[in-house]
């Protein structure tokens, strides 16, 4: 098991990978390994799995464990691994987080419980109880558009004060005042990641640690470079890249994520674009809009060479995994 990284180093573009399925709806581990290799080759700073983009609600607990296992064995400590292990059930969250800890994850991403609509005190007690049971660093995932509850900055500050293992938050929150208040109340060394594609660059400007952007599934190097340019003090170039990515960021969210994203990755030859119901591919009208945007970036023109390259990466990764299984 790889040595866990210092939490303060978990910065940059942590890509939230899609969960690829075969045509008949099974988890496609071979395609998954090649996607990870492609991300590593293209400069992503970390890998996250089974978050919103990975369709966790469509996976069984055993499938989530399987996805995490394949990811951990493929990454092999080469870059940070931050699986999403939260559910709206405390015991299930604890179980998955302990599994991630045993697999050598660097941190776990824990969603604010959805559907239950807990109070701020309920949120505090949920995360505090979990943190007391786990040594693994935890990152809160605050996404009020999906959970129907927003964790207040003062609640995060209580958790930061009382739970040393809670090191940051992924903020999928379009309220920029809220994000500033999180950094103010929790301290500017609290790791705040943008989960909103159009706020990846602006959040770095106010002290963010990085971003968890679905767009990195399509353009990993460019999404990583937003962080790289800011870290190098090249703000004008980072601003230009922010606006360069804007049309694609908008197109990928014309419908519920990861529907458009998987359709795009299918058009690029990266995956079989299967979604589990109730999610479905974009409408014909939106497909036309999305394809026009893809052509702006030349993504479809690179399809054949990209697919060939990924096939080679998949063969190499599967070979490594097979060798490890033989040795076990």
Protein backbone atom coordinates (compact mmCIF):
# COMPACT_ATOMS: atom_id res chain seq x y z
CA UNK A 1 0.00 0.00 0.00
CA UNK A 2 1.39 3.40 -0.97
CA UNK A 3 2.33 5.88 1.75
CA UNK A 4 -0.43 8.44 2.23
CA UNK A 5 0.47 11.95 1.10
CA UNK A 6 0.52 15.01 3.30
CA UNK A 7 -3.01 16.43 2.93
CA UNK A 8 -1.64 19.91 2.21
CA UNK A 9 -0.26 18.59 -1.09
CA UNK A 10 -3.70 17.59 -2.42
CA UNK A 11 -3.95 20.48 -4.85
CA UNK A 12 -4.70 21.09 -8.49
CA UNK A 13 -7.02 19.25 -10.87
CA UNK A 14 -8.50 16.15 -9.24
CA UNK A 15 -10.47 14.62 -12.09
CA UNK A 16 -13.83 13.02 -11.20
CA UNK A 17 -13.81 10.03 -13.52
CA UNK A 18 -16.90 8.67 -15.20
CA UNK A 19 -17.77 5.04 -14.53
CA UNK A 20 -17.72 3.32 -17.94
CA UNK A 21 -20.17 0.51 -18.63
CA UNK A 22 -20.33 -2.11 -21.35
CA UNK A 23 -23.24 -2.22 -23.79
CA UNK A 24 -25.10 -4.59 -21.47
CA UNK A 25 -24.60 -2.29 -18.47
CA UNK A 26 -21.74 -3.97 -16.59
CA UNK A 27 -18.78 -2.04 -15.15
CA UNK A 28 -16.10 -1.85 -17.85
CA UNK A 29 -12.89 -2.24 -15.87
CA UNK A 30 -10.63 -2.40 -18.91
CA UNK A 31 -11.85 0.91 -20.28
CA UNK A 32 -11.62 2.37 -16.78
CA UNK A 33 -7.93 1.49 -16.46
CA UNK A 34 -7.11 3.11 -19.79
CA UNK A 35 -8.94 6.28 -18.79
CA UNK A 36 -6.81 6.47 -15.64
CA UNK A 37 -3.60 6.00 -17.63
CA UNK A 38 -4.71 8.73 -20.04
CA UNK A 39 -5.35 11.10 -17.14
CA UNK A 40 -1.92 10.43 -15.67
CA UNK A 41 -0.22 10.97 -19.04
CA UNK A 42 -2.06 14.25 -19.52
CA UNK A 43 -1.07 15.86 -16.27
CA UNK A 44 -4.07 15.56 -13.96
CA UNK A 45 -2.98 16.11 -10.37
CA UNK A 46 -5.29 13.52 -8.80
CA UNK A 47 -8.03 10.97 -9.44
CA UNK A 48 -11.47 10.73 -7.84
CA UNK A 49 -14.02 7.99 -8.54
CA UNK A 50 -17.66 7.25 -7.69
CA UNK A 51 -18.54 10.91 -7.21
CA UNK A 52 -21.48 12.55 -8.96
CA UNK A 53 -19.83 12.15 -12.39
CA UNK A 54 -19.26 8.46 -11.60
CA UNK A 55 -23.01 7.71 -11.13
CA UNK A 56 -22.74 6.41 -7.55
CA UNK A 57 -26.50 6.23 -7.08
CA UNK A 58 -26.65 3.76 -9.97
CA UNK A 59 -23.98 1.51 -8.44
CA UNK A 60 -24.42 -1.15 -5.77
CA UNK A 61 -22.12 -0.99 -2.76
CA UNK A 62 -20.13 -3.94 -4.09
CA UNK A 63 -19.76 -2.19 -7.46
CA UNK A 64 -18.50 0.95 -5.74
CA UNK A 65 -15.92 -1.18 -3.95
CA UNK A 66 -14.94 -2.77 -7.26
CA UNK A 67 -14.51 0.60 -8.97
CA UNK A 68 -12.36 1.87 -6.09
CA UNK A 69 -10.27 -1.30 -6.12
CA UNK A 70 -9.53 -1.13 -9.85
CA UNK A 71 -8.66 2.56 -9.52
CA UNK A 72 -6.32 2.03 -6.56
CA UNK A 73 -4.49 -0.84 -8.25
CA UNK A 74 -4.17 1.09 -11.51
CA UNK A 75 -2.97 4.33 -9.94
CA UNK A 76 -0.43 2.51 -7.73
CA UNK A 77 0.45 5.65 -5.78
CA UNK A 78 1.55 7.62 -8.84
CA UNK A 79 -0.75 10.52 -7.98
CA UNK A 80 -3.32 11.29 -5.26
CA UNK A 81 -6.36 9.05 -5.05
CA UNK A 82 -9.50 10.62 -3.54
CA UNK A 83 -12.54 8.31 -3.94
CA UNK A 84 -16.01 9.54 -3.10
CA UNK A 85 -17.39 7.29 -0.37
CA UNK A 86 -20.44 9.16 0.90
CA UNK A 87 -24.09 8.13 0.82
CA UNK A 88 -27.14 9.31 2.75
CA UNK A 89 -26.76 6.31 5.05
CA UNK A 90 -24.17 6.67 7.82
CA UNK A 91 -23.27 2.96 8.10
CA UNK A 92 -22.80 2.64 4.33
CA UNK A 93 -20.62 5.76 4.28
CA UNK A 94 -18.51 4.42 7.14
CA UNK A 95 -18.16 1.05 5.39
CA UNK A 96 -17.04 2.54 2.06
CA UNK A 97 -14.68 4.99 3.73
CA UNK A 98 -13.00 2.22 5.70
CA UNK A 99 -12.59 0.28 2.44
CA UNK A 100 -10.95 3.36 0.83
CA UNK A 101 -8.66 3.72 3.85
CA UNK A 102 -7.51 0.10 3.54
CA UNK A 103 -6.91 0.59 -0.19
CA UNK A 104 -4.45 3.38 0.53
CA UNK A 105 -6.52 6.37 -0.59
CA UNK A 106 -5.05 9.77 0.22
CA UNK A 107 -8.41 11.19 1.31
CA UNK A 108 -12.11 10.45 0.94
CA UNK A 109 -14.76 12.76 -0.49
CA UNK A 110 -17.92 12.65 1.64
CA UNK A 111 -21.12 14.15 0.25
CA UNK A 112 -23.50 16.09 2.47
CA UNK A 113 -26.30 13.52 2.99
CA UNK A 114 -28.94 13.88 0.31
CA UNK A 115 -32.73 13.47 0.50
CA UNK A 116 -32.68 13.46 4.34
CA UNK A 117 -32.41 17.28 4.48
CA UNK A 118 -30.68 17.33 7.90
CA UNK A 119 -30.29 20.42 10.08
CA UNK A 120 -26.90 22.09 10.50
CA UNK A 121 -26.55 20.33 13.87
CA UNK A 122 -27.36 17.01 12.16
CA UNK A 123 -24.68 17.66 9.54
CA UNK A 124 -22.16 18.54 12.22
CA UNK A 125 -22.85 15.36 14.20
CA UNK A 126 -22.84 13.17 11.08
CA UNK A 127 -19.40 14.34 9.94
CA UNK A 128 -17.95 14.51 13.46
CA UNK A 129 -19.06 10.95 14.22
CA UNK A 130 -17.57 9.73 10.95
CA UNK A 131 -14.29 11.58 11.51
CA UNK A 132 -13.97 10.02 14.97
CA UNK A 133 -14.11 6.54 13.41
CA UNK A 134 -11.67 7.13 10.53
CA UNK A 135 -8.01 8.17 10.35
CA UNK A 136 -8.22 8.92 6.63
CA UNK A 137 -8.38 12.65 5.77
CA UNK A 138 -11.91 13.67 4.79
CA UNK A 139 -13.11 16.26 2.28
CA UNK A 140 -16.70 17.46 2.61
CA UNK A 141 -18.68 17.50 -0.64
CA UNK A 142 -21.15 20.37 -0.50
CA UNK A 143 -23.51 20.26 -3.48
CA UNK A 144 -26.83 21.83 -2.45
CA UNK A 145 -28.34 21.50 -5.94
CA UNK A 146 -28.36 17.71 -5.46
CA UNK A 147 -28.66 17.33 -1.70
CA UNK A 148 -31.31 20.03 -1.01
CA UNK A 149 -29.27 21.28 1.94
CA UNK A 150 -26.29 23.66 2.07
CA UNK A 151 -23.67 23.22 4.78
CA UNK A 152 -23.14 26.64 6.35
CA UNK A 153 -19.61 28.08 6.62
CA UNK A 154 -19.99 28.22 10.40
CA UNK A 155 -20.84 24.50 10.48
CA UNK A 156 -17.70 23.75 8.47
CA UNK A 157 -15.71 25.91 10.86
CA UNK A 158 -16.97 23.84 13.82
CA UNK A 159 -15.93 20.65 12.04
CA UNK A 160 -12.54 22.10 11.14
CA UNK A 161 -12.00 23.05 14.79
CA UNK A 162 -13.20 19.76 16.29
CA UNK A 163 -12.07 17.24 13.64
CA UNK A 164 -8.42 17.51 12.52
CA UNK A 165 -9.00 14.86 9.83
CA UNK A 166 -11.51 17.10 7.99
CA UNK A 167 -9.13 18.94 5.70
CA UNK A 168 -11.29 20.64 3.09
CA UNK A 169 -14.43 20.90 1.02
CA UNK A 170 -15.47 20.47 -2.58
CA UNK A 171 -17.84 23.37 -3.15
CA UNK A 172 -20.36 22.76 -5.92
CA UNK A 173 -21.96 26.00 -4.89
CA UNK A 174 -22.52 28.92 -7.26
CA UNK A 175 -22.77 31.33 -4.32
CA UNK A 176 -19.31 32.92 -4.41
CA UNK A 177 -19.99 34.81 -1.18
CA UNK A 178 -20.50 31.46 0.52
CA UNK A 179 -17.10 30.20 -0.68
CA UNK A 180 -15.36 33.34 0.59
CA UNK A 181 -17.04 32.88 3.96
CA UNK A 182 -15.88 29.25 4.10
CA UNK A 183 -12.27 30.36 3.69
CA UNK A 184 -12.75 33.19 6.17
CA UNK A 185 -14.30 31.05 8.92
CA UNK A 186 -12.29 27.85 8.32
CA UNK A 187 -8.95 29.49 7.64
CA UNK A 188 -7.21 30.08 4.36
CA UNK A 189 -5.24 26.84 4.73
CA UNK A 190 -8.54 24.89 4.54
CA UNK A 191 -8.50 23.10 1.17
CA UNK A 192 -11.39 24.40 -0.93
CA UNK A 193 -11.95 22.84 -4.36
CA UNK A 194 -14.33 24.14 -6.99
CA UNK A 195 -16.97 21.69 -8.16
CA UNK A 196 -18.45 24.25 -10.56
CA UNK A 197 -16.66 24.26 -13.91
CA UNK A 198 -17.06 27.99 -14.56
CA UNK A 199 -15.68 28.79 -11.11
CA UNK A 200 -12.49 26.71 -11.26
CA UNK A 201 -10.33 29.71 -12.13
CA UNK A 202 -12.15 32.35 -10.03
CA UNK A 203 -11.97 30.12 -6.96
CA UNK A 204 -8.19 29.87 -7.28
CA UNK A 205 -8.08 33.66 -7.25
CA UNK A 206 -9.60 33.82 -3.75
CA UNK A 207 -7.44 31.06 -2.29
CA UNK A 208 -8.88 27.78 -3.56
CA UNK A 209 -6.72 24.65 -3.57
CA UNK A 210 -7.88 23.35 -6.96
CA UNK A 211 -10.89 21.89 -8.68
CA UNK A 212 -12.83 18.69 -9.30
CA UNK A 213 -14.12 19.33 -12.81
CA UNK A 214 -16.03 16.91 -15.03
CA UNK A 215 -14.52 18.68 -18.05
CA UNK A 216 -11.18 17.07 -17.20
CA UNK A 217 -12.61 13.80 -18.53
CA UNK A 218 -12.43 15.40 -21.99
CA UNK A 219 -9.57 17.92 -21.79
CA UNK A 220 -7.44 16.82 -18.83
CA UNK A 221 -4.32 18.79 -19.70
CA UNK A 222 -6.12 22.08 -20.19
CA UNK A 223 -8.09 21.74 -16.95
CA UNK A 224 -4.87 20.92 -15.08
CA UNK A 225 -3.14 23.86 -16.72
CA UNK A 226 -5.61 26.32 -15.19
CA UNK A 227 -4.08 25.40 -11.83
CA UNK A 228 -0.54 25.14 -13.20
CA UNK A 229 -0.66 28.62 -14.70
CA UNK A 230 -2.05 30.19 -11.53
CA UNK A 231 0.56 28.40 -9.42
CA UNK A 232 3.23 29.83 -11.72
CA UNK A 233 1.80 33.34 -11.41
CA UNK A 234 0.82 33.43 -15.09
CA UNK A 235 -2.59 34.93 -14.44
CA UNK A 236 -3.26 36.38 -17.88
CA UNK A 237 -2.71 33.00 -19.55
CA UNK A 238 -4.90 31.34 -16.93
CA UNK A 239 -7.63 33.90 -17.65
CA UNK A 240 -7.39 33.18 -21.37
CA UNK A 241 -7.66 29.43 -20.74
CA UNK A 242 -10.67 29.98 -18.48
CA UNK A 243 -12.55 31.65 -21.31
CA UNK A 244 -11.26 29.17 -23.89
CA UNK A 245 -12.89 26.34 -21.93
CA UNK A 246 -16.14 28.18 -21.27
CA UNK A 247 -18.17 26.90 -24.28
CA UNK A 248 -17.28 23.29 -23.50
CA UNK A 249 -18.01 23.74 -19.79
CA UNK A 250 -21.48 25.00 -20.66
CA UNK A 251 -22.16 22.32 -23.28
CA UNK A 252 -21.36 19.48 -20.87
CA UNK A 253 -24.12 20.68 -18.55
CA UNK A 254 -26.94 21.27 -21.02
CA UNK A 255 -28.54 18.29 -19.33
CA UNK A 256 -27.86 16.43 -16.08
CA UNK A 257 -24.25 15.34 -15.59
CA UNK A 258 -22.88 12.88 -16.67
CA UNK A 259 -25.36 12.45 -19.54
CA UNK A 260 -23.79 14.94 -21.98
CA UNK A 261 -20.28 14.07 -20.79
CA UNK A 262 -20.64 10.36 -21.50
CA UNK A 263 -22.19 11.11 -24.88
CA UNK A 264 -19.20 13.33 -25.72
CA UNK A 265 -16.72 10.69 -24.55
CA UNK A 266 -18.50 8.16 -26.73
CA UNK A 267 -18.19 10.47 -29.76
CA UNK A 268 -14.47 10.81 -28.96
CA UNK A 269 -13.98 7.04 -28.84
CA UNK A 270 -13.09 7.04 -25.14
CA UNK A 271 -15.95 4.91 -23.83
CA UNK A 272 -19.15 3.14 -24.72
CA UNK A 273 -21.57 5.92 -23.67
CA UNK A 274 -23.91 3.72 -21.65
CA UNK A 275 -25.86 5.34 -18.81
CA UNK A 276 -27.89 3.54 -16.21
CA UNK A 277 -31.51 4.60 -15.93
CA UNK A 278 -33.02 6.99 -15.04
CA UNK A 279 -30.17 8.94 -16.69
CA UNK A 280 -30.27 9.00 -20.48
CA UNK A 281 -28.36 10.47 -23.40
CA UNK A 282 -28.96 14.13 -24.39
CA UNK A 283 -31.93 14.99 -26.58
CA UNK A 284 -31.29 15.17 -30.36
CA UNK A 285 -31.51 18.96 -30.18
CA UNK A 286 -28.85 19.15 -27.48
CA UNK A 287 -26.68 16.59 -29.24
CA UNK A 288 -26.55 18.94 -32.23
CA UNK A 289 -25.56 21.85 -29.98
CA UNK A 290 -22.90 19.81 -28.18
CA UNK A 291 -21.41 18.46 -31.41
CA UNK A 292 -21.03 22.01 -32.74
CA UNK A 293 -19.00 22.86 -29.64
CA UNK A 294 -16.86 19.72 -29.99
CA UNK A 295 -15.98 20.79 -33.52
CA UNK A 296 -14.78 24.14 -32.20
CA UNK A 297 -12.16 22.26 -30.16
CA UNK A 298 -11.31 19.75 -32.90
CA UNK A 299 -12.15 16.91 -30.54
CA UNK A 300 -13.88 14.73 -33.10
CA UNK A 301 -11.04 15.12 -35.59
CA UNK A 302 -8.68 13.46 -33.08
CA UNK A 303 -10.97 10.52 -32.42
CA UNK A 304 -9.10 7.77 -34.31
CA UNK A 305 -5.61 8.60 -33.00
CA UNK A 306 -6.95 9.01 -29.48
CA UNK A 307 -8.78 5.68 -29.55
CA UNK A 308 -5.66 3.90 -30.81
CA UNK A 309 -3.51 5.47 -28.10
CA UNK A 310 -5.98 4.52 -25.38
CA UNK A 311 -6.14 0.95 -26.66
CA UNK A 312 -2.38 0.68 -26.14
CA UNK A 313 -2.68 2.18 -22.65
CA UNK A 314 -5.44 -0.26 -21.76
CA UNK A 315 -3.35 -3.26 -22.84
CA UNK A 316 -0.44 -2.11 -20.67
CA UNK A 317 -2.63 -1.40 -17.62
CA UNK A 318 -4.50 -4.68 -17.83
CA UNK A 319 -1.16 -6.49 -18.08
CA UNK A 320 0.01 -4.81 -14.86
CA UNK A 321 -3.23 -5.69 -13.04
CA UNK A 322 -3.03 -9.29 -14.22
CA UNK A 323 0.55 -9.58 -12.93
CA UNK A 324 -0.53 -8.22 -9.53
CA UNK A 325 -3.41 -10.72 -9.34
CA UNK A 326 -0.99 -13.56 -10.16
CA UNK A 327 1.31 -12.50 -7.33
CA UNK A 328 -1.50 -12.27 -4.75
